[in-house]
Amino acid sequence: MYLLTVPEWSLPILGAAISVIFGGFGSAIGIGYAAQVANGVLAEDPDKFGNLLILVALPGTQGIYGFLGAFLILNAVGLIGGPEEGMMYDLSMSQAWMVMFAGLSTGLSGWISGINQGKVCATGVSMAAKRPDAMMRAVIYGAMVETYAILGLLITILMLNGITIKQIPIP
């Protein structure tokens, strides 16, 4: 039970949507880059599927981080789980903006890093095709790009923990 006003509650929902949509965009594009190159390699040597799968799947984690960021946002404002019985969340407009920007952190870092991780993994697939013993080096380079998506999610978590949303009795 909530006494909702549209502006205050639409911003956290927008933040959650930004987190999951842009994280998903980055993952989809990044996986697409790596998969295109991997398909070319697999046309020549289908036995490399297992090794290349790691490099193709690696850019998909940004979508997971975006989903997790959205879940944390919706949980923070009580749209998942909700307040205690007989209570409601008192969300101010400034808190709503803060929550929205928390989603922006995960969404944008996931979008940019997912695309670039896909490019790194695509070149890693090419390297692994020529030198299978160097495949883990390509994974390490891809994981270096991953770091920034993780930092974006971490900032979202820290921002949400810094926002205190009070529960008040339902009038």
N, C-alpha and C. Protein backbone atom coordinates (compact mmCIF):
# COMPACT_ATOMS: atom_id res chain seq x y z
N MET A 1 0.83 -1.18 0.00
CA MET A 1 0.00 0.00 0.00
C MET A 1 0.88 1.24 0.00
N TYR A 2 0.69 2.09 -0.98
CA TYR A 2 1.48 3.30 -1.09
C TYR A 2 0.55 4.45 -1.44
N LEU A 3 0.91 5.62 -0.98
CA LEU A 3 0.29 6.84 -1.48
C LEU A 3 1.28 7.37 -2.51
N LEU A 4 1.07 7.04 -3.75
CA LEU A 4 2.04 7.35 -4.78
C LEU A 4 1.77 8.70 -5.41
N THR A 5 2.85 9.42 -5.67
CA THR A 5 2.78 10.58 -6.53
C THR A 5 3.67 10.25 -7.72
N VAL A 6 3.23 10.57 -8.87
CA VAL A 6 3.88 10.11 -10.09
C VAL A 6 5.34 10.55 -10.21
N PRO A 7 5.69 11.83 -10.04
CA PRO A 7 7.09 12.20 -10.29
C PRO A 7 8.09 11.49 -9.38
N GLU A 8 7.79 11.40 -8.09
CA GLU A 8 8.74 10.78 -7.17
C GLU A 8 8.95 9.31 -7.45
N TRP A 9 7.94 8.62 -7.88
CA TRP A 9 8.05 7.17 -8.09
C TRP A 9 8.43 6.82 -9.52
N SER A 10 8.25 7.74 -10.44
CA SER A 10 8.64 7.43 -11.82
C SER A 10 10.15 7.50 -12.00
N LEU A 11 10.83 8.34 -11.24
CA LEU A 11 12.28 8.45 -11.38
C LEU A 11 13.03 7.18 -10.97
N PRO A 12 12.71 6.55 -9.82
CA PRO A 12 13.38 5.28 -9.52
C PRO A 12 13.08 4.19 -10.55
N ILE A 13 11.86 4.18 -11.06
CA ILE A 13 11.52 3.19 -12.10
C ILE A 13 12.33 3.47 -13.36
N LEU A 14 12.49 4.75 -13.70
CA LEU A 14 13.33 5.12 -14.83
C LEU A 14 14.78 4.68 -14.60
N GLY A 15 15.29 4.88 -13.38
CA GLY A 15 16.65 4.46 -13.06
C GLY A 15 16.83 2.96 -13.20
N ALA A 16 15.84 2.20 -12.75
CA ALA A 16 15.91 0.74 -12.89
C ALA A 16 15.87 0.35 -14.37
N ALA A 17 15.02 1.02 -15.13
CA ALA A 17 14.93 0.73 -16.56
C ALA A 17 16.23 1.07 -17.28
N ILE A 18 16.83 2.20 -16.94
CA ILE A 18 18.12 2.58 -17.54
C ILE A 18 19.17 1.53 -17.23
N SER A 19 19.20 1.07 -15.99
CA SER A 19 20.18 0.08 -15.58
C SER A 19 20.06 -1.19 -16.41
N VAL A 20 18.87 -1.73 -16.51
CA VAL A 20 18.70 -3.01 -17.20
C VAL A 20 18.74 -2.86 -18.72
N ILE A 21 18.18 -1.79 -19.26
CA ILE A 21 18.14 -1.63 -20.71
C ILE A 21 19.53 -1.37 -21.28
N PHE A 22 20.25 -0.42 -20.70
CA PHE A 22 21.57 -0.10 -21.24
C PHE A 22 22.59 -1.20 -20.96
N GLY A 23 22.48 -1.85 -19.81
CA GLY A 23 23.33 -3.01 -19.56
C GLY A 23 23.07 -4.11 -20.59
N GLY A 24 21.80 -4.31 -20.90
CA GLY A 24 21.43 -5.29 -21.92
C GLY A 24 21.89 -4.90 -23.31
N PHE A 25 21.79 -3.61 -23.64
CA PHE A 25 22.29 -3.14 -24.94
C PHE A 25 23.77 -3.46 -25.09
N GLY A 26 24.55 -3.10 -24.06
CA GLY A 26 25.99 -3.34 -24.11
C GLY A 26 26.31 -4.81 -24.28
N SER A 27 25.60 -5.65 -23.53
CA SER A 27 25.84 -7.10 -23.63
C SER A 27 25.46 -7.64 -25.00
N ALA A 28 24.31 -7.25 -25.50
CA ALA A 28 23.85 -7.77 -26.79
C ALA A 28 24.80 -7.38 -27.91
N ILE A 29 25.22 -6.13 -27.91
CA ILE A 29 26.13 -5.67 -28.96
C ILE A 29 27.50 -6.33 -28.81
N GLY A 30 27.99 -6.39 -27.56
CA GLY A 30 29.30 -7.00 -27.31
C GLY A 30 29.33 -8.47 -27.68
N ILE A 31 28.31 -9.21 -27.28
CA ILE A 31 28.24 -10.62 -27.65
C ILE A 31 28.15 -10.77 -29.16
N GLY A 32 27.43 -9.87 -29.80
CA GLY A 32 27.32 -9.91 -31.26
C GLY A 32 28.66 -9.77 -31.94
N TYR A 33 29.49 -8.83 -31.47
CA TYR A 33 30.83 -8.66 -32.06
C TYR A 33 31.65 -9.94 -31.93
N ALA A 34 31.71 -10.46 -30.70
CA ALA A 34 32.53 -11.65 -30.46
C ALA A 34 31.98 -12.87 -31.20
N ALA A 35 30.66 -13.01 -31.24
CA ALA A 35 30.05 -14.18 -31.88
C ALA A 35 30.25 -14.17 -33.40
N GLN A 36 30.25 -12.99 -34.00
CA GLN A 36 30.47 -12.92 -35.44
C GLN A 36 31.84 -13.47 -35.81
N VAL A 37 32.85 -13.06 -35.05
CA VAL A 37 34.21 -13.54 -35.33
C VAL A 37 34.31 -15.03 -35.00
N ALA A 38 33.70 -15.44 -33.88
CA ALA A 38 33.75 -16.85 -33.49
C ALA A 38 33.08 -17.74 -34.53
N ASN A 39 31.99 -17.29 -35.11
CA ASN A 39 31.33 -18.09 -36.14
C ASN A 39 32.23 -18.30 -37.35
N GLY A 40 33.00 -17.27 -37.70
CA GLY A 40 33.95 -17.42 -38.80
C GLY A 40 35.02 -18.46 -38.48
N VAL A 41 35.51 -18.43 -37.24
CA VAL A 41 36.52 -19.40 -36.82
C VAL A 41 35.92 -20.81 -36.79
N LEU A 42 34.71 -20.93 -36.26
CA LEU A 42 34.07 -22.25 -36.15
C LEU A 42 33.74 -22.86 -37.51
N ALA A 43 33.56 -22.02 -38.51
CA ALA A 43 33.33 -22.54 -39.86
C ALA A 43 34.55 -23.32 -40.35
N GLU A 44 35.72 -22.89 -39.90
CA GLU A 44 36.98 -23.56 -40.28
C GLU A 44 37.32 -24.72 -39.34
N ASP A 45 37.05 -24.52 -38.03
CA ASP A 45 37.45 -25.52 -37.03
C ASP A 45 36.38 -25.62 -35.93
N PRO A 46 35.35 -26.45 -36.11
CA PRO A 46 34.26 -26.57 -35.14
C PRO A 46 34.70 -27.07 -33.76
N ASP A 47 35.87 -27.68 -33.67
CA ASP A 47 36.34 -28.21 -32.38
C ASP A 47 36.72 -27.10 -31.40
N LYS A 48 36.82 -25.87 -31.85
CA LYS A 48 37.21 -24.76 -30.97
C LYS A 48 36.02 -24.13 -30.25
N PHE A 49 34.84 -24.70 -30.42
CA PHE A 49 33.63 -24.11 -29.83
C PHE A 49 33.76 -23.89 -28.33
N GLY A 50 34.19 -24.89 -27.58
CA GLY A 50 34.27 -24.78 -26.12
C GLY A 50 35.19 -23.67 -25.67
N ASN A 51 36.34 -23.55 -26.31
CA ASN A 51 37.28 -22.50 -25.93
C ASN A 51 36.76 -21.11 -26.28
N LEU A 52 36.13 -20.98 -27.44
CA LEU A 52 35.65 -19.67 -27.88
C LEU A 52 34.40 -19.23 -27.14
N LEU A 53 33.66 -20.17 -26.59
CA LEU A 53 32.43 -19.84 -25.87
C LEU A 53 32.70 -18.88 -24.71
N ILE A 54 33.81 -19.04 -24.04
CA ILE A 54 34.16 -18.16 -22.92
C ILE A 54 34.28 -16.72 -23.41
N LEU A 55 34.98 -16.52 -24.51
CA LEU A 55 35.17 -15.17 -25.04
C LEU A 55 33.88 -14.57 -25.58
N VAL A 56 33.01 -15.41 -26.13
CA VAL A 56 31.74 -14.90 -26.65
C VAL A 56 30.80 -14.55 -25.50
N ALA A 57 30.80 -15.34 -24.44
CA ALA A 57 29.87 -15.11 -23.32
C ALA A 57 30.31 -13.99 -22.39
N LEU A 58 31.59 -13.69 -22.36
CA LEU A 58 32.11 -12.71 -21.40
C LEU A 58 31.41 -11.35 -21.45
N PRO A 59 31.11 -10.78 -22.62
CA PRO A 59 30.40 -9.49 -22.64
C PRO A 59 28.96 -9.57 -22.12
N GLY A 60 28.43 -10.75 -21.89
CA GLY A 60 27.07 -10.90 -21.40
C GLY A 60 26.88 -10.53 -19.94
N THR A 61 27.97 -10.39 -19.22
CA THR A 61 27.84 -10.10 -17.79
C THR A 61 27.30 -8.70 -17.52
N GLN A 62 27.50 -7.76 -18.44
CA GLN A 62 26.98 -6.41 -18.23
C GLN A 62 25.46 -6.41 -18.14
N GLY A 63 24.82 -7.26 -18.90
CA GLY A 63 23.37 -7.40 -18.79
C GLY A 63 22.95 -7.92 -17.44
N ILE A 64 23.74 -8.83 -16.88
CA ILE A 64 23.46 -9.35 -15.54
C ILE A 64 23.62 -8.24 -14.51
N TYR A 65 24.68 -7.44 -14.65
CA TYR A 65 24.89 -6.33 -13.71
C TYR A 65 23.75 -5.31 -13.81
N GLY A 66 23.29 -5.05 -15.03
CA GLY A 66 22.17 -4.13 -15.20
C GLY A 66 20.91 -4.65 -14.54
N PHE A 67 20.66 -5.95 -14.68
CA PHE A 67 19.51 -6.57 -14.03
C PHE A 67 19.63 -6.48 -12.52
N LEU A 68 20.82 -6.77 -12.00
CA LEU A 68 21.04 -6.69 -10.56
C LEU A 68 20.87 -5.26 -10.06
N GLY A 69 21.39 -4.29 -10.81
CA GLY A 69 21.21 -2.88 -10.43
C GLY A 69 19.73 -2.50 -10.38
N ALA A 70 18.96 -2.93 -11.37
CA ALA A 70 17.53 -2.64 -11.40
C ALA A 70 16.82 -3.28 -10.22
N PHE A 71 17.17 -4.52 -9.92
CA PHE A 71 16.58 -5.21 -8.78
C PHE A 71 16.88 -4.46 -7.48
N LEU A 72 18.13 -4.04 -7.30
CA LEU A 72 18.50 -3.31 -6.08
C LEU A 72 17.76 -1.99 -5.96
N ILE A 73 17.57 -1.31 -7.08
CA ILE A 73 16.83 -0.04 -7.06
C ILE A 73 15.37 -0.27 -6.67
N LEU A 74 14.73 -1.23 -7.31
CA LEU A 74 13.32 -1.50 -7.01
C LEU A 74 13.15 -1.97 -5.57
N ASN A 75 14.13 -2.70 -5.06
CA ASN A 75 14.08 -3.14 -3.67
C ASN A 75 14.29 -1.96 -2.72
N ALA A 76 15.19 -1.04 -3.07
CA ALA A 76 15.50 0.09 -2.20
C ALA A 76 14.30 1.00 -1.98
N VAL A 77 13.47 1.14 -3.00
CA VAL A 77 12.31 2.03 -2.87
C VAL A 77 11.03 1.27 -2.52
N GLY A 78 11.15 -0.03 -2.30
CA GLY A 78 10.01 -0.81 -1.83
C GLY A 78 9.08 -1.32 -2.90
N LEU A 79 9.45 -1.21 -4.17
CA LEU A 79 8.58 -1.74 -5.21
C LEU A 79 8.71 -3.25 -5.33
N ILE A 80 9.77 -3.80 -4.75
CA ILE A 80 9.91 -5.25 -4.57
C ILE A 80 10.04 -5.45 -3.07
N GLY A 81 9.24 -6.27 -2.51
CA GLY A 81 9.30 -6.50 -1.06
C GLY A 81 8.36 -5.61 -0.29
N GLY A 82 8.40 -4.34 -0.55
CA GLY A 82 7.50 -3.40 0.10
C GLY A 82 7.87 -3.08 1.53
N PRO A 83 7.20 -2.09 2.11
CA PRO A 83 7.47 -1.70 3.49
C PRO A 83 6.79 -2.65 4.48
N GLU A 84 7.04 -2.39 5.74
CA GLU A 84 6.40 -3.17 6.79
C GLU A 84 4.89 -2.95 6.76
N GLU A 85 4.17 -3.85 7.39
CA GLU A 85 2.70 -3.77 7.43
C GLU A 85 2.27 -2.45 8.05
N GLY A 86 1.34 -1.77 7.39
CA GLY A 86 0.81 -0.51 7.90
C GLY A 86 1.71 0.69 7.67
N MET A 87 2.77 0.51 6.91
CA MET A 87 3.72 1.59 6.65
C MET A 87 3.80 1.84 5.15
N MET A 88 4.37 2.97 4.79
CA MET A 88 4.66 3.29 3.40
C MET A 88 5.98 4.03 3.35
N TYR A 89 6.62 4.00 2.18
CA TYR A 89 7.87 4.73 2.01
C TYR A 89 7.58 6.19 1.73
N ASP A 90 8.36 7.05 2.36
CA ASP A 90 8.26 8.49 2.16
C ASP A 90 9.44 8.90 1.28
N LEU A 91 9.22 8.99 -0.01
CA LEU A 91 10.27 9.26 -0.98
C LEU A 91 10.17 10.71 -1.44
N SER A 92 11.22 11.49 -1.17
CA SER A 92 11.23 12.88 -1.61
C SER A 92 11.70 12.96 -3.07
N MET A 93 11.50 14.10 -3.67
CA MET A 93 11.92 14.29 -5.06
C MET A 93 13.45 14.20 -5.18
N SER A 94 14.18 14.74 -4.21
CA SER A 94 15.65 14.66 -4.28
C SER A 94 16.12 13.21 -4.13
N GLN A 95 15.47 12.44 -3.27
CA GLN A 95 15.82 11.03 -3.15
C GLN A 95 15.51 10.27 -4.44
N ALA A 96 14.40 10.62 -5.06
CA ALA A 96 14.02 9.97 -6.32
C ALA A 96 15.08 10.22 -7.40
N TRP A 97 15.58 11.45 -7.48
CA TRP A 97 16.64 11.76 -8.44
C TRP A 97 17.91 10.98 -8.11
N MET A 98 18.25 10.88 -6.83
CA MET A 98 19.45 10.13 -6.43
C MET A 98 19.34 8.66 -6.85
N VAL A 99 18.18 8.09 -6.63
CA VAL A 99 17.97 6.68 -7.00
C VAL A 99 18.05 6.52 -8.52
N MET A 100 17.50 7.47 -9.25
CA MET A 100 17.57 7.41 -10.71
C MET A 100 19.02 7.45 -11.18
N PHE A 101 19.82 8.33 -10.59
CA PHE A 101 21.23 8.42 -10.98
C PHE A 101 22.01 7.18 -10.58
N ALA A 102 21.58 6.49 -9.55
CA ALA A 102 22.22 5.22 -9.19
C ALA A 102 22.05 4.21 -10.32
N GLY A 103 20.90 4.22 -10.96
CA GLY A 103 20.67 3.34 -12.11
C GLY A 103 21.48 3.75 -13.33
N LEU A 104 21.69 5.04 -13.47
CA LEU A 104 22.49 5.54 -14.58
C LEU A 104 23.93 5.03 -14.50
N SER A 105 24.45 4.91 -13.30
CA SER A 105 25.81 4.42 -13.10
C SER A 105 26.00 3.02 -13.67
N THR A 106 25.12 2.12 -13.31
CA THR A 106 25.23 0.74 -13.82
C THR A 106 24.90 0.68 -15.31
N GLY A 107 23.88 1.40 -15.73
CA GLY A 107 23.46 1.34 -17.12
C GLY A 107 24.52 1.83 -18.09
N LEU A 108 25.06 3.01 -17.83
CA LEU A 108 26.04 3.56 -18.76
C LEU A 108 27.36 2.80 -18.73
N SER A 109 27.81 2.40 -17.54
CA SER A 109 29.06 1.64 -17.49
C SER A 109 28.89 0.28 -18.16
N GLY A 110 27.72 -0.32 -18.03
CA GLY A 110 27.46 -1.60 -18.69
C GLY A 110 27.37 -1.46 -20.20
N TRP A 111 26.77 -0.38 -20.65
CA TRP A 111 26.60 -0.15 -22.08
C TRP A 111 27.96 0.03 -22.77
N ILE A 112 28.75 0.95 -22.25
CA ILE A 112 30.04 1.25 -22.87
C ILE A 112 31.01 0.09 -22.72
N SER A 113 31.09 -0.48 -21.51
CA SER A 113 32.06 -1.57 -21.31
C SER A 113 31.63 -2.84 -22.04
N GLY A 114 30.34 -3.09 -22.15
CA GLY A 114 29.87 -4.27 -22.87
C GLY A 114 30.25 -4.24 -24.35
N ILE A 115 30.07 -3.07 -24.96
CA ILE A 115 30.44 -2.93 -26.37
C ILE A 115 31.95 -3.10 -26.54
N ASN A 116 32.71 -2.40 -25.70
CA ASN A 116 34.17 -2.48 -25.84
C ASN A 116 34.71 -3.84 -25.44
N GLN A 117 34.09 -4.48 -24.48
CA GLN A 117 34.52 -5.83 -24.12
C GLN A 117 34.26 -6.79 -25.28
N GLY A 118 33.16 -6.58 -25.98
CA GLY A 118 32.88 -7.40 -27.15
C GLY A 118 33.94 -7.24 -28.23
N LYS A 119 34.41 -6.02 -28.42
CA LYS A 119 35.47 -5.78 -29.40
C LYS A 119 36.77 -6.46 -28.97
N VAL A 120 37.10 -6.34 -27.69
CA VAL A 120 38.31 -6.98 -27.17
C VAL A 120 38.20 -8.50 -27.31
N CYS A 121 37.04 -9.04 -26.97
CA CYS A 121 36.85 -10.49 -27.06
C CYS A 121 36.84 -10.97 -28.51
N ALA A 122 36.33 -10.13 -29.42
CA ALA A 122 36.34 -10.50 -30.84
C ALA A 122 37.77 -10.64 -31.35
N THR A 123 38.63 -9.70 -30.99
CA THR A 123 40.02 -9.83 -31.40
C THR A 123 40.70 -10.98 -30.67
N GLY A 124 40.24 -11.25 -29.44
CA GLY A 124 40.75 -12.41 -28.71
C GLY A 124 40.39 -13.72 -29.38
N VAL A 125 39.20 -13.77 -29.96
CA VAL A 125 38.79 -14.97 -30.71
C VAL A 125 39.73 -15.17 -31.90
N SER A 126 40.05 -14.08 -32.59
CA SER A 126 40.98 -14.18 -33.72
C SER A 126 42.34 -14.68 -33.27
N MET A 127 42.80 -14.16 -32.13
CA MET A 127 44.09 -14.59 -31.60
C MET A 127 44.05 -16.06 -31.20
N ALA A 128 42.98 -16.47 -30.53
CA ALA A 128 42.85 -17.86 -30.09
C ALA A 128 42.74 -18.82 -31.27
N ALA A 129 42.21 -18.35 -32.39
CA ALA A 129 42.12 -19.19 -33.58
C ALA A 129 43.50 -19.51 -34.14
N LYS A 130 44.39 -18.52 -34.07
CA LYS A 130 45.74 -18.71 -34.60
C LYS A 130 46.68 -19.34 -33.58
N ARG A 131 46.46 -18.99 -32.31
CA ARG A 131 47.33 -19.49 -31.24
C ARG A 131 46.47 -19.95 -30.07
N PRO A 132 45.97 -21.16 -30.09
CA PRO A 132 45.09 -21.66 -29.03
C PRO A 132 45.70 -21.58 -27.63
N ASP A 133 47.02 -21.65 -27.53
CA ASP A 133 47.68 -21.57 -26.23
C ASP A 133 47.57 -20.17 -25.61
N ALA A 134 47.22 -19.15 -26.40
CA ALA A 134 47.13 -17.77 -25.91
C ALA A 134 45.70 -17.36 -25.57
N MET A 135 44.77 -18.30 -25.57
CA MET A 135 43.36 -17.97 -25.35
C MET A 135 43.12 -17.32 -24.00
N MET A 136 43.76 -17.79 -22.95
CA MET A 136 43.53 -17.23 -21.62
C MET A 136 44.04 -15.79 -21.53
N ARG A 137 45.03 -15.44 -22.32
CA ARG A 137 45.49 -14.05 -22.36
C ARG A 137 44.37 -13.15 -22.88
N ALA A 138 43.67 -13.64 -23.88
CA ALA A 138 42.54 -12.88 -24.42
C ALA A 138 41.43 -12.73 -23.38
N VAL A 139 41.20 -13.77 -22.60
CA VAL A 139 40.19 -13.70 -21.53
C VAL A 139 40.60 -12.66 -20.50
N ILE A 140 41.87 -12.60 -20.17
CA ILE A 140 42.36 -11.61 -19.19
C ILE A 140 42.13 -10.19 -19.71
N TYR A 141 42.42 -9.96 -20.99
CA TYR A 141 42.16 -8.63 -21.55
C TYR A 141 40.67 -8.28 -21.50
N GLY A 142 39.84 -9.25 -21.82
CA GLY A 142 38.40 -9.02 -21.72
C GLY A 142 37.96 -8.73 -20.29
N ALA A 143 38.56 -9.43 -19.34
CA ALA A 143 38.22 -9.22 -17.93
C ALA A 143 38.67 -7.84 -17.44
N MET A 144 39.71 -7.29 -18.05
CA MET A 144 40.14 -5.94 -17.67
C MET A 144 39.06 -4.91 -18.01
N VAL A 145 38.40 -5.09 -19.14
CA VAL A 145 37.30 -4.18 -19.50
C VAL A 145 36.12 -4.40 -18.56
N GLU A 146 35.92 -5.63 -18.15
CA GLU A 146 34.84 -6.00 -17.22
C GLU A 146 34.91 -5.22 -15.91
N THR A 147 36.12 -4.89 -15.51
CA THR A 147 36.34 -4.19 -14.24
C THR A 147 35.47 -2.94 -14.14
N TYR A 148 35.31 -2.23 -15.23
CA TYR A 148 34.59 -0.96 -15.18
C TYR A 148 33.08 -1.15 -15.07
N ALA A 149 32.57 -2.24 -15.59
CA ALA A 149 31.16 -2.56 -15.36
C ALA A 149 30.94 -2.92 -13.90
N ILE A 150 31.88 -3.65 -13.31
CA ILE A 150 31.78 -4.00 -11.89
C ILE A 150 31.84 -2.74 -11.03
N LEU A 151 32.72 -1.80 -11.40
CA LEU A 151 32.80 -0.55 -10.65
C LEU A 151 31.51 0.26 -10.76
N GLY A 152 30.88 0.25 -11.93
CA GLY A 152 29.60 0.92 -12.09
C GLY A 152 28.53 0.32 -11.19
N LEU A 153 28.49 -1.00 -11.10
CA LEU A 153 27.55 -1.67 -10.20
C LEU A 153 27.87 -1.35 -8.75
N LEU A 154 29.15 -1.34 -8.42
CA LEU A 154 29.56 -1.02 -7.04
C LEU A 154 29.13 0.39 -6.65
N ILE A 155 29.27 1.34 -7.55
CA ILE A 155 28.83 2.71 -7.26
C ILE A 155 27.32 2.75 -7.07
N THR A 156 26.59 1.99 -7.87
CA THR A 156 25.13 1.92 -7.69
C THR A 156 24.80 1.41 -6.29
N ILE A 157 25.48 0.35 -5.86
CA ILE A 157 25.23 -0.20 -4.53
C ILE A 157 25.57 0.82 -3.45
N LEU A 158 26.71 1.50 -3.58
CA LEU A 158 27.11 2.50 -2.59
C LEU A 158 26.14 3.68 -2.56
N MET A 159 25.70 4.11 -3.73
CA MET A 159 24.74 5.22 -3.79
C MET A 159 23.43 4.83 -3.11
N LEU A 160 22.94 3.64 -3.39
CA LEU A 160 21.68 3.21 -2.79
C LEU A 160 21.80 3.05 -1.28
N ASN A 161 22.96 2.58 -0.82
CA ASN A 161 23.16 2.46 0.63
C ASN A 161 23.26 3.82 1.30
N GLY A 162 23.62 4.86 0.56
CA GLY A 162 23.72 6.20 1.12
C GLY A 162 22.41 6.96 1.15
N ILE A 163 21.38 6.41 0.55
CA ILE A 163 20.07 7.08 0.50
C ILE A 163 19.17 6.43 1.55
N THR A 164 18.75 7.21 2.52
CA THR A 164 17.86 6.70 3.57
C THR A 164 16.43 7.09 3.22
N ILE A 165 15.64 6.09 2.95
CA ILE A 165 14.22 6.32 2.64
C ILE A 165 13.42 5.85 3.84
N LYS A 166 12.73 6.78 4.46
CA LYS A 166 12.00 6.48 5.70
C LYS A 166 10.68 5.79 5.42
N GLN A 167 10.29 4.99 6.39
CA GLN A 167 8.95 4.41 6.38
C GLN A 167 8.09 5.22 7.34
N ILE A 168 6.92 5.58 6.88
CA ILE A 168 6.00 6.34 7.74
C ILE A 168 4.67 5.59 7.79
N PRO A 169 3.89 5.81 8.86
CA PRO A 169 2.58 5.15 8.94
C PRO A 169 1.66 5.62 7.81
N ILE A 170 0.85 4.71 7.33
CA ILE A 170 -0.14 5.07 6.31
C ILE A 170 -1.20 5.92 6.98
N PRO A 171 -1.47 7.11 6.43
CA PRO A 171 -2.47 7.99 7.06
C PRO A 171 -3.89 7.46 6.93
